[in-house]
């Protein structure tokens, strides 16, 4: 009881070697790394967010800097709606119901 069946080990062993030899454990994305569409999109979104976050407030228009922060910040699901996105700042962390 509590032991892994040998049949399971035989099936998982090739998968372990595949991930061990073909995936880096440091997860640093460089220009030489090939990503699937989902991972590439995730990394592109994160890069775009960080780029916008690093723009000094002095270089942004007044209409952008005058917006109050959205309670949900970057996790807001409503920011895809133009009216909500124009009304609140989403380049911030979530402040409401954060665990």
PDB file of N, CA and C in Angstrom:
ATOM      1  N   UNK A   1       0.836  -1.171   0.000  1.00  0.00           N
ATOM      2  CA  UNK A   1       0.000   0.000   0.000  1.00  0.00           C
ATOM      3  C   UNK A   1       0.881   1.235   0.000  1.00  0.00           C
ATOM      4  N   UNK A   2       0.539   2.226  -0.808  1.00  0.00           N
ATOM      5  CA  UNK A   2       1.312   3.453  -0.863  1.00  0.00           C
ATOM      6  C   UNK A   2       2.431   3.405  -1.892  1.00  0.00           C
ATOM      7  N   UNK A   3       2.682   2.241  -2.471  1.00  0.00           N
ATOM      8  CA  UNK A   3       3.726   2.131  -3.480  1.00  0.00           C
ATOM      9  C   UNK A   3       3.147   2.409  -4.854  1.00  0.00           C
ATOM     10  N   UNK A   4       3.973   2.940  -5.720  1.00  0.00           N
ATOM     11  CA  UNK A   4       3.549   3.206  -7.093  1.00  0.00           C
ATOM     12  C   UNK A   4       3.695   1.908  -7.888  1.00  0.00           C
ATOM     13  N   UNK A   5       2.665   1.488  -8.610  1.00  0.00           N
ATOM     14  CA  UNK A   5       2.770   0.256  -9.402  1.00  0.00           C
ATOM     15  C   UNK A   5       3.884   0.379 -10.439  1.00  0.00           C
ATOM     16  N   UNK A   6       4.577  -0.715 -10.678  1.00  0.00           N
ATOM     17  CA  UNK A   6       5.709  -0.701 -11.607  1.00  0.00           C
ATOM     18  C   UNK A   6       5.263  -0.331 -13.025  1.00  0.00           C
ATOM     19  N   UNK A   7       4.035  -0.696 -13.394  1.00  0.00           N
ATOM     20  CA  UNK A   7       3.516  -0.348 -14.715  1.00  0.00           C
ATOM     21  C   UNK A   7       3.443   1.172 -14.874  1.00  0.00           C
ATOM     22  N   UNK A   8       3.065   1.899 -13.813  1.00  0.00           N
ATOM     23  CA  UNK A   8       2.996   3.359 -13.839  1.00  0.00           C
ATOM     24  C   UNK A   8       4.378   3.960 -13.999  1.00  0.00           C
ATOM     25  N   UNK A   9       5.353   3.400 -13.309  1.00  0.00           N
ATOM     26  CA  UNK A   9       6.729   3.903 -13.408  1.00  0.00           C
ATOM     27  C   UNK A   9       7.251   3.722 -14.825  1.00  0.00           C
ATOM     28  N   UNK A  10       6.997   2.577 -15.407  1.00  0.00           N
ATOM     29  CA  UNK A  10       7.453   2.310 -16.773  1.00  0.00           C
ATOM     30  C   UNK A  10       6.828   3.305 -17.750  1.00  0.00           C
ATOM     31  N   UNK A  11       5.569   3.666 -17.537  1.00  0.00           N
ATOM     32  CA  UNK A  11       4.903   4.609 -18.428  1.00  0.00           C
ATOM     33  C   UNK A  11       5.380   6.041 -18.215  1.00  0.00           C
ATOM     34  N   UNK A  12       5.720   6.414 -16.979  1.00  0.00           N
ATOM     35  CA  UNK A  12       6.117   7.783 -16.671  1.00  0.00           C
ATOM     36  C   UNK A  12       7.600   8.044 -16.861  1.00  0.00           C
ATOM     37  N   UNK A  13       8.431   7.009 -16.883  1.00  0.00           N
ATOM     38  CA  UNK A  13       9.870   7.192 -16.998  1.00  0.00           C
ATOM     39  C   UNK A  13      10.281   7.916 -18.276  1.00  0.00           C
ATOM     40  N   UNK A  14       9.771   7.547 -19.461  1.00  0.00           N
ATOM     41  CA  UNK A  14      10.149   8.307 -20.663  1.00  0.00           C
ATOM     42  C   UNK A  14       9.707   9.768 -20.594  1.00  0.00           C
ATOM     43  N   UNK A  15       8.556  10.029 -19.997  1.00  0.00           N
ATOM     44  CA  UNK A  15       8.076  11.394 -19.857  1.00  0.00           C
ATOM     45  C   UNK A  15       9.005  12.200 -18.957  1.00  0.00           C
ATOM     46  N   UNK A  16       9.475  11.581 -17.867  1.00  0.00           N
ATOM     47  CA  UNK A  16      10.413  12.252 -16.969  1.00  0.00           C
ATOM     48  C   UNK A  16      11.688  12.629 -17.716  1.00  0.00           C
ATOM     49  N   UNK A  17      12.260  11.681 -18.471  1.00  0.00           N
ATOM     50  CA  UNK A  17      13.493  11.972 -19.193  1.00  0.00           C
ATOM     51  C   UNK A  17      13.284  13.053 -20.246  1.00  0.00           C
ATOM     52  N   UNK A  18      12.130  13.054 -20.900  1.00  0.00           N
ATOM     53  CA  UNK A  18      11.840  14.092 -21.890  1.00  0.00           C
ATOM     54  C   UNK A  18      11.869  15.470 -21.248  1.00  0.00           C
ATOM     55  N   UNK A  19      11.158  15.631 -20.119  1.00  0.00           N
ATOM     56  CA  UNK A  19      11.127  16.927 -19.453  1.00  0.00           C
ATOM     57  C   UNK A  19      12.478  17.280 -18.838  1.00  0.00           C
ATOM     58  N   UNK A  20      13.202  16.282 -18.328  1.00  0.00           N
ATOM     59  CA  UNK A  20      14.486  16.545 -17.695  1.00  0.00           C
ATOM     60  C   UNK A  20      15.518  17.030 -18.707  1.00  0.00           C
ATOM     61  N   UNK A  21      15.557  16.431 -19.885  1.00  0.00           N
ATOM     62  CA  UNK A  21      16.584  16.770 -20.850  1.00  0.00           C
ATOM     63  C   UNK A  21      16.212  17.907 -21.791  1.00  0.00           C
ATOM     64  N   UNK A  22      14.926  18.131 -22.039  1.00  0.00           N
ATOM     65  CA  UNK A  22      14.537  19.109 -23.038  1.00  0.00           C
ATOM     66  C   UNK A  22      13.975  20.404 -22.484  1.00  0.00           C
ATOM     67  N   UNK A  23      13.732  20.482 -21.199  1.00  0.00           N
ATOM     68  CA  UNK A  23      13.223  21.712 -20.611  1.00  0.00           C
ATOM     69  C   UNK A  23      14.189  22.225 -19.561  1.00  0.00           C
ATOM     70  N   UNK A  24      14.478  23.508 -19.624  1.00  0.00           N
ATOM     71  CA  UNK A  24      15.339  24.115 -18.624  1.00  0.00           C
ATOM     72  C   UNK A  24      14.558  24.269 -17.321  1.00  0.00           C
ATOM     73  N   UNK A  25      15.263  24.233 -16.229  1.00  0.00           N
ATOM     74  CA  UNK A  25      14.602  24.402 -14.948  1.00  0.00           C
ATOM     75  C   UNK A  25      14.654  25.837 -14.460  1.00  0.00           C
ATOM     76  N   UNK A  26      15.411  26.704 -15.126  1.00  0.00           N
ATOM     77  CA  UNK A  26      15.498  28.096 -14.671  1.00  0.00           C
ATOM     78  C   UNK A  26      14.451  28.990 -15.314  1.00  0.00           C
ATOM     79  N   UNK A  27      13.808  28.555 -16.377  1.00  0.00           N
ATOM     80  CA  UNK A  27      12.710  29.251 -17.038  1.00  0.00           C
ATOM     81  C   UNK A  27      13.064  30.664 -17.510  1.00  0.00           C
ATOM     82  N   UNK A  28      14.297  30.894 -17.872  1.00  0.00           N
ATOM     83  CA  UNK A  28      14.679  32.183 -18.441  1.00  0.00           C
ATOM     84  C   UNK A  28      14.412  32.145 -19.940  1.00  0.00           C
ATOM     85  N   UNK A  29      13.602  33.053 -20.424  1.00  0.00           N
ATOM     86  CA  UNK A  29      13.259  33.099 -21.836  1.00  0.00           C
ATOM     87  C   UNK A  29      14.280  33.975 -22.550  1.00  0.00           C
ATOM     88  N   UNK A  30      14.947  33.421 -23.520  1.00  0.00           N
ATOM     89  CA  UNK A  30      15.910  34.162 -24.332  1.00  0.00           C
ATOM     90  C   UNK A  30      15.455  34.106 -25.782  1.00  0.00           C
ATOM     91  N   UNK A  31      16.232  34.719 -26.650  1.00  0.00           N
ATOM     92  CA  UNK A  31      15.878  34.717 -28.078  1.00  0.00           C
ATOM     93  C   UNK A  31      16.044  33.344 -28.708  1.00  0.00           C
ATOM     94  N   UNK A  32      16.737  32.430 -28.043  1.00  0.00           N
ATOM     95  CA  UNK A  32      16.963  31.091 -28.590  1.00  0.00           C
ATOM     96  C   UNK A  32      15.913  30.078 -28.142  1.00  0.00           C
ATOM     97  N   UNK A  33      14.994  30.470 -27.275  1.00  0.00           N
ATOM     98  CA  UNK A  33      13.988  29.556 -26.752  1.00  0.00           C
ATOM     99  C   UNK A  33      12.770  29.543 -27.675  1.00  0.00           C
ATOM    100  N   UNK A  34      12.302  28.356 -28.004  1.00  0.00           N
ATOM    101  CA  UNK A  34      11.100  28.199 -28.818  1.00  0.00           C
ATOM    102  C   UNK A  34       9.934  27.934 -27.876  1.00  0.00           C
ATOM    103  N   UNK A  35       8.853  28.715 -28.025  1.00  0.00           N
ATOM    104  CA  UNK A  35       7.687  28.576 -27.161  1.00  0.00           C
ATOM    105  C   UNK A  35       6.469  28.188 -27.973  1.00  0.00           C
ATOM    106  N   UNK A  36       5.550  27.494 -27.335  1.00  0.00           N
ATOM    107  CA  UNK A  36       4.274  27.217 -27.986  1.00  0.00           C
ATOM    108  C   UNK A  36       3.469  28.521 -28.027  1.00  0.00           C
ATOM    109  N   UNK A  37       2.371  28.529 -28.752  1.00  0.00           N
ATOM    110  CA  UNK A  37       1.573  29.734 -28.910  1.00  0.00           C
ATOM    111  C   UNK A  37       1.076  30.269 -27.572  1.00  0.00           C
ATOM    112  N   UNK A  38       0.554  29.375 -26.726  1.00  0.00           N
ATOM    113  CA  UNK A  38       0.006  29.815 -25.432  1.00  0.00           C
ATOM    114  C   UNK A  38       1.088  30.413 -24.540  1.00  0.00           C
ATOM    115  N   UNK A  39       2.229  29.757 -24.444  1.00  0.00           N
ATOM    116  CA  UNK A  39       3.323  30.271 -23.610  1.00  0.00           C
ATOM    117  C   UNK A  39       3.882  31.558 -24.196  1.00  0.00           C
ATOM    118  N   UNK A  40       3.977  31.623 -25.517  1.00  0.00           N
ATOM    119  CA  UNK A  40       4.465  32.844 -26.165  1.00  0.00           C
ATOM    120  C   UNK A  40       3.522  34.007 -25.925  1.00  0.00           C
ATOM    121  N   UNK A  41       2.224  33.769 -26.014  1.00  0.00           N
ATOM    122  CA  UNK A  41       1.238  34.811 -25.765  1.00  0.00           C
ATOM    123  C   UNK A  41       1.290  35.267 -24.313  1.00  0.00           C
ATOM    124  N   UNK A  42       1.428  34.332 -23.390  1.00  0.00           N
ATOM    125  CA  UNK A  42       1.530  34.666 -21.968  1.00  0.00           C
ATOM    126  C   UNK A  42       2.763  35.540 -21.719  1.00  0.00           C
ATOM    127  N   UNK A  43       3.887  35.167 -22.288  1.00  0.00           N
ATOM    128  CA  UNK A  43       5.112  35.942 -22.104  1.00  0.00           C
ATOM    129  C   UNK A  43       5.017  37.311 -22.770  1.00  0.00           C
ATOM    130  N   UNK A  44       4.377  37.389 -23.929  1.00  0.00           N
ATOM    131  CA  UNK A  44       4.210  38.671 -24.594  1.00  0.00           C
ATOM    132  C   UNK A  44       3.328  39.604 -23.773  1.00  0.00           C
ATOM    133  N   UNK A  45       2.236  39.081 -23.218  1.00  0.00           N
ATOM    134  CA  UNK A  45       1.350  39.895 -22.370  1.00  0.00           C
ATOM    135  C   UNK A  45       2.088  40.415 -21.147  1.00  0.00           C
ATOM    136  N   UNK A  46       2.871  39.560 -20.528  1.00  0.00           N
ATOM    137  CA  UNK A  46       3.632  39.971 -19.344  1.00  0.00           C
ATOM    138  C   UNK A  46       4.664  41.034 -19.709  1.00  0.00           C
ATOM    139  N   UNK A  47       5.303  40.879 -20.839  1.00  0.00           N
ATOM    140  CA  UNK A  47       6.289  41.866 -21.301  1.00  0.00           C
ATOM    141  C   UNK A  47       5.621  43.205 -21.598  1.00  0.00           C
ATOM    142  N   UNK A  48       4.456  43.179 -22.241  1.00  0.00           N
ATOM    143  CA  UNK A  48       3.724  44.416 -22.535  1.00  0.00           C
ATOM    144  C   UNK A  48       3.281  45.102 -21.247  1.00  0.00           C
ATOM    145  N   UNK A  49       2.840  44.326 -20.257  1.00  0.00           N
ATOM    146  CA  UNK A  49       2.418  44.884 -18.969  1.00  0.00           C
ATOM    147  C   UNK A  49       3.607  45.552 -18.278  1.00  0.00           C
ATOM    148  N   UNK A  50       4.748  44.872 -18.256  1.00  0.00           N
ATOM    149  CA  UNK A  50       5.936  45.432 -17.611  1.00  0.00           C
ATOM    150  C   UNK A  50       6.422  46.687 -18.337  1.00  0.00           C
ATOM    151  N   UNK A  51       6.325  46.688 -19.665  1.00  0.00           N
ATOM    152  CA  UNK A  51       6.720  47.869 -20.437  1.00  0.00           C
ATOM    153  C   UNK A  51       5.860  49.073 -20.051  1.00  0.00           C
ATOM    154  N   UNK A  52       4.544  48.875 -20.009  1.00  0.00           N
ATOM    155  CA  UNK A  52       3.632  49.966 -19.642  1.00  0.00           C
ATOM    156  C   UNK A  52       3.833  50.390 -18.190  1.00  0.00           C
ATOM    157  N   UNK A  53       4.111  49.450 -17.321  1.00  0.00           N
ATOM    158  CA  UNK A  53       4.319  49.737 -15.907  1.00  0.00           C
ATOM    159  C   UNK A  53       5.572  50.591 -15.689  1.00  0.00           C
ATOM    160  N   UNK A  54       6.568  50.445 -16.535  1.00  0.00           N
ATOM    161  CA  UNK A  54       7.833  51.170 -16.391  1.00  0.00           C
ATOM    162  C   UNK A  54       7.826  52.551 -17.039  1.00  0.00           C
ATOM    163  N   UNK A  55       6.738  52.929 -17.695  1.00  0.00           N
ATOM    164  CA  UNK A  55       6.652  54.280 -18.260  1.00  0.00           C
ATOM    165  C   UNK A  55       6.405  55.260 -17.118  1.00  0.00           C
ATOM    166  N   UNK A  56       7.257  56.274 -16.958  1.00  0.00           N
ATOM    167  CA  UNK A  56       7.060  57.246 -15.872  1.00  0.00           C
ATOM    168  C   UNK A  56       5.739  57.996 -16.035  1.00  0.00           C
ATOM    169  N   UNK A  57       5.110  58.348 -14.913  1.00  0.00           N
ATOM    170  CA  UNK A  57       3.824  59.055 -14.944  1.00  0.00           C
ATOM    171  C   UNK A  57       3.943  60.393 -15.654  1.00  0.00           C
ATOM    172  N   UNK A  58       5.114  60.985 -15.625  1.00  0.00           N
ATOM    173  CA  UNK A  58       5.310  62.284 -16.281  1.00  0.00           C
ATOM    174  C   UNK A  58       5.211  62.182 -17.802  1.00  0.00           C
ATOM    175  N   UNK A  59       5.418  60.996 -18.357  1.00  0.00           N
ATOM    176  CA  UNK A  59       5.345  60.797 -19.807  1.00  0.00           C
ATOM    177  C   UNK A  59       3.962  60.347 -20.276  1.00  0.00           C
ATOM    178  N   UNK A  60       3.053  60.118 -19.358  1.00  0.00           N
ATOM    179  CA  UNK A  60       1.702  59.691 -19.715  1.00  0.00           C
ATOM    180  C   UNK A  60       0.764  60.895 -19.769  1.00  0.00           C
ATOM    181  N   UNK A  61      -0.278  60.826 -20.594  1.00  0.00           N
ATOM    182  CA  UNK A  61      -1.253  61.922 -20.645  1.00  0.00           C
ATOM    183  C   UNK A  61      -1.992  62.078 -19.319  1.00  0.00           C
ATOM    184  N   UNK A  62      -2.478  63.257 -19.069  1.00  0.00           N
ATOM    185  CA  UNK A  62      -3.212  63.535 -17.845  1.00  0.00           C
ATOM    186  C   UNK A  62      -4.450  62.685 -17.688  1.00  0.00           C
ATOM    187  N   UNK A  63      -5.093  62.347 -18.806  1.00  0.00           N
ATOM    188  CA  UNK A  63      -6.302  61.523 -18.740  1.00  0.00           C
ATOM    189  C   UNK A  63      -5.998  60.112 -18.221  1.00  0.00           C
ATOM    190  N   UNK A  64      -4.772  59.673 -18.395  1.00  0.00           N
ATOM    191  CA  UNK A  64      -4.382  58.339 -17.915  1.00  0.00           C
ATOM    192  C   UNK A  64      -3.991  58.391 -16.444  1.00  0.00           C
ATOM    193  N   UNK A  65      -3.236  59.391 -16.063  1.00  0.00           N
ATOM    194  CA  UNK A  65      -2.767  59.475 -14.670  1.00  0.00           C
ATOM    195  C   UNK A  65      -3.872  59.880 -13.700  1.00  0.00           C
ATOM    196  N   UNK A  66      -4.961  60.471 -14.203  1.00  0.00           N
ATOM    197  CA  UNK A  66      -6.061  60.901 -13.331  1.00  0.00           C
ATOM    198  C   UNK A  66      -7.021  59.771 -12.979  1.00  0.00           C
ATOM    199  N   UNK A  67      -6.902  58.632 -13.629  1.00  0.00           N
ATOM    200  CA  UNK A  67      -7.815  57.519 -13.382  1.00  0.00           C
ATOM    201  C   UNK A  67      -7.568  56.897 -12.008  1.00  0.00           C
ATOM    202  N   UNK A  68      -8.634  56.563 -11.279  1.00  0.00           N
ATOM    203  CA  UNK A  68      -8.448  55.832 -10.018  1.00  0.00           C
ATOM    204  C   UNK A  68      -8.099  54.372 -10.323  1.00  0.00           C
ATOM    205  N   UNK A  69      -7.411  53.733  -9.385  1.00  0.00           N
ATOM    206  CA  UNK A  69      -7.053  52.323  -9.564  1.00  0.00           C
ATOM    207  C   UNK A  69      -8.293  51.442  -9.462  1.00  0.00           C
ATOM    208  N   UNK A  70      -8.355  50.463 -10.313  1.00  0.00           N
ATOM    209  CA  UNK A  70      -9.425  49.456 -10.245  1.00  0.00           C
ATOM    210  C   UNK A  70      -9.112  48.529  -9.064  1.00  0.00           C
ATOM    211  N   UNK A  71     -10.136  48.123  -8.322  1.00  0.00           N
ATOM    212  CA  UNK A  71      -9.930  47.225  -7.180  1.00  0.00           C
ATOM    213  C   UNK A  71      -9.248  45.924  -7.588  1.00  0.00           C
ATOM    214  N   UNK A  72      -9.552  45.467  -8.799  1.00  0.00           N
ATOM    215  CA  UNK A  72      -9.043  44.174  -9.256  1.00  0.00           C
ATOM    216  C   UNK A  72      -7.697  44.301  -9.956  1.00  0.00           C
ATOM    217  N   UNK A  73      -7.287  45.531 -10.296  1.00  0.00           N
ATOM    218  CA  UNK A  73      -5.978  45.764 -10.915  1.00  0.00           C
ATOM    219  C   UNK A  73      -5.775  44.967 -12.173  1.00  0.00           C
ATOM    220  N   UNK A  74      -4.605  44.351 -12.287  1.00  0.00           N
ATOM    221  CA  UNK A  74      -4.278  43.593 -13.489  1.00  0.00           C
ATOM    222  C   UNK A  74      -5.100  42.322 -13.627  1.00  0.00           C
ATOM    223  N   UNK A  75      -5.783  41.895 -12.579  1.00  0.00           N
ATOM    224  CA  UNK A  75      -6.615  40.688 -12.619  1.00  0.00           C
ATOM    225  C   UNK A  75      -8.061  40.974 -13.004  1.00  0.00           C
ATOM    226  N   UNK A  76      -8.377  42.210 -13.333  1.00  0.00           N
ATOM    227  CA  UNK A  76      -9.744  42.602 -13.661  1.00  0.00           C
ATOM    228  C   UNK A  76     -10.205  41.912 -14.945  1.00  0.00           C
ATOM    229  N   UNK A  77     -11.370  41.303 -14.886  1.00  0.00           N
ATOM    230  CA  UNK A  77     -11.929  40.640 -16.068  1.00  0.00           C
ATOM    231  C   UNK A  77     -12.754  41.594 -16.918  1.00  0.00           C
ATOM    232  N   UNK A  78     -13.045  42.791 -16.390  1.00  0.00           N
ATOM    233  CA  UNK A  78     -13.882  43.751 -17.108  1.00  0.00           C
ATOM    234  C   UNK A  78     -13.049  44.733 -17.922  1.00  0.00           C
ATOM    235  N   UNK A  79     -11.734  44.711 -17.769  1.00  0.00           N
ATOM    236  CA  UNK A  79     -10.897  45.689 -18.463  1.00  0.00           C
ATOM    237  C   UNK A  79     -10.904  45.525 -19.980  1.00  0.00           C
ATOM    238  N   UNK A  80     -11.466  44.448 -20.472  1.00  0.00           N
ATOM    239  CA  UNK A  80     -11.582  44.270 -21.919  1.00  0.00           C
ATOM    240  C   UNK A  80     -12.691  45.139 -22.512  1.00  0.00           C
ATOM    241  N   UNK A  81     -13.588  45.644 -21.655  1.00  0.00           N
ATOM    242  CA  UNK A  81     -14.651  46.545 -22.107  1.00  0.00           C
ATOM    243  C   UNK A  81     -14.095  47.970 -22.112  1.00  0.00           C
ATOM    244  N   UNK A  82     -14.233  48.639 -23.226  1.00  0.00           N
ATOM    245  CA  UNK A  82     -13.628  49.962 -23.419  1.00  0.00           C
ATOM    246  C   UNK A  82     -14.069  50.970 -22.351  1.00  0.00           C
ATOM    247  N   UNK A  83     -15.344  50.981 -21.999  1.00  0.00           N
ATOM    248  CA  UNK A  83     -15.836  51.952 -21.027  1.00  0.00           C
ATOM    249  C   UNK A  83     -15.146  51.778 -19.677  1.00  0.00           C
ATOM    250  N   UNK A  84     -15.021  50.549 -19.235  1.00  0.00           N
ATOM    251  CA  UNK A  84     -14.373  50.267 -17.951  1.00  0.00           C
ATOM    252  C   UNK A  84     -12.866  50.551 -18.030  1.00  0.00           C
ATOM    253  N   UNK A  85     -12.245  50.160 -19.112  1.00  0.00           N
ATOM    254  CA  UNK A  85     -10.805  50.361 -19.263  1.00  0.00           C
ATOM    255  C   UNK A  85     -10.448  51.843 -19.300  1.00  0.00           C
ATOM    256  N   UNK A  86     -11.317  52.681 -19.869  1.00  0.00           N
ATOM    257  CA  UNK A  86     -11.054  54.120 -19.940  1.00  0.00           C
ATOM    258  C   UNK A  86     -11.346  54.815 -18.608  1.00  0.00           C
ATOM    259  N   UNK A  87     -12.105  54.176 -17.745  1.00  0.00           N
ATOM    260  CA  UNK A  87     -12.512  54.791 -16.489  1.00  0.00           C
ATOM    261  C   UNK A  87     -11.539  54.503 -15.337  1.00  0.00           C
ATOM    262  N   UNK A  88     -10.877  53.332 -15.364  1.00  0.00           N
ATOM    263  CA  UNK A  88     -10.016  52.913 -14.267  1.00  0.00           C
ATOM    264  C   UNK A  88      -8.614  52.548 -14.746  1.00  0.00           C
ATOM    265  N   UNK A  89      -7.648  52.682 -13.837  1.00  0.00           N
ATOM    266  CA  UNK A  89      -6.279  52.259 -14.090  1.00  0.00           C
ATOM    267  C   UNK A  89      -6.154  50.774 -13.737  1.00  0.00           C
ATOM    268  N   UNK A  90      -5.578  49.983 -14.629  1.00  0.00           N
ATOM    269  CA  UNK A  90      -5.399  48.559 -14.392  1.00  0.00           C
ATOM    270  C   UNK A  90      -3.933  48.167 -14.279  1.00  0.00           C
ATOM    271  N   UNK A  91      -3.039  49.150 -14.329  1.00  0.00           N
ATOM    272  CA  UNK A  91      -1.610  48.869 -14.158  1.00  0.00           C
ATOM    273  C   UNK A  91      -1.304  48.992 -12.671  1.00  0.00           C
ATOM    274  N   UNK A  92      -1.865  48.083 -11.900  1.00  0.00           N
ATOM    275  CA  UNK A  92      -1.684  48.042 -10.447  1.00  0.00           C
ATOM    276  C   UNK A  92      -2.050  46.639  -9.983  1.00  0.00           C
ATOM    277  N   UNK A  93      -1.732  46.356  -8.737  1.00  0.00           N
ATOM    278  CA  UNK A  93      -2.066  45.039  -8.172  1.00  0.00           C
ATOM    279  C   UNK A  93      -3.484  45.046  -7.608  1.00  0.00           C
ATOM    280  N   UNK A  94      -4.053  43.878  -7.480  1.00  0.00           N
ATOM    281  CA  UNK A  94      -5.404  43.711  -6.939  1.00  0.00           C
ATOM    282  C   UNK A  94      -5.417  44.102  -5.456  1.00  0.00           C
ATOM    283  N   UNK A  95      -6.423  44.896  -5.041  1.00  0.00           N
ATOM    284  CA  UNK A  95      -6.533  45.295  -3.639  1.00  0.00           C
ATOM    285  C   UNK A  95      -7.774  44.723  -2.965  1.00  0.00           C
ATOM    286  N   UNK A  96      -8.791  44.353  -3.711  1.00  0.00           N
ATOM    287  CA  UNK A  96     -10.018  43.819  -3.125  1.00  0.00           C
ATOM    288  C   UNK A  96     -10.023  42.289  -3.195  1.00  0.00           C
ATOM    289  N   UNK A  97     -10.449  41.677  -2.094  1.00  0.00           N
ATOM    290  CA  UNK A  97     -10.577  40.229  -1.993  1.00  0.00           C
ATOM    291  C   UNK A  97      -9.287  39.493  -2.327  1.00  0.00           C
ATOM    292  N   UNK A  98      -8.157  40.073  -1.961  1.00  0.00           N
ATOM    293  CA  UNK A  98      -6.888  39.420  -2.226  1.00  0.00           C
ATOM    294  C   UNK A  98      -6.565  38.474  -1.080  1.00  0.00           C
ATOM    295  N   UNK A  99      -6.188  37.259  -1.420  1.00  0.00           N
ATOM    296  CA  UNK A  99      -5.879  36.253  -0.383  1.00  0.00           C
ATOM    297  C   UNK A  99      -4.521  36.507   0.211  1.00  0.00           C
TER     298      UNK A  99
END
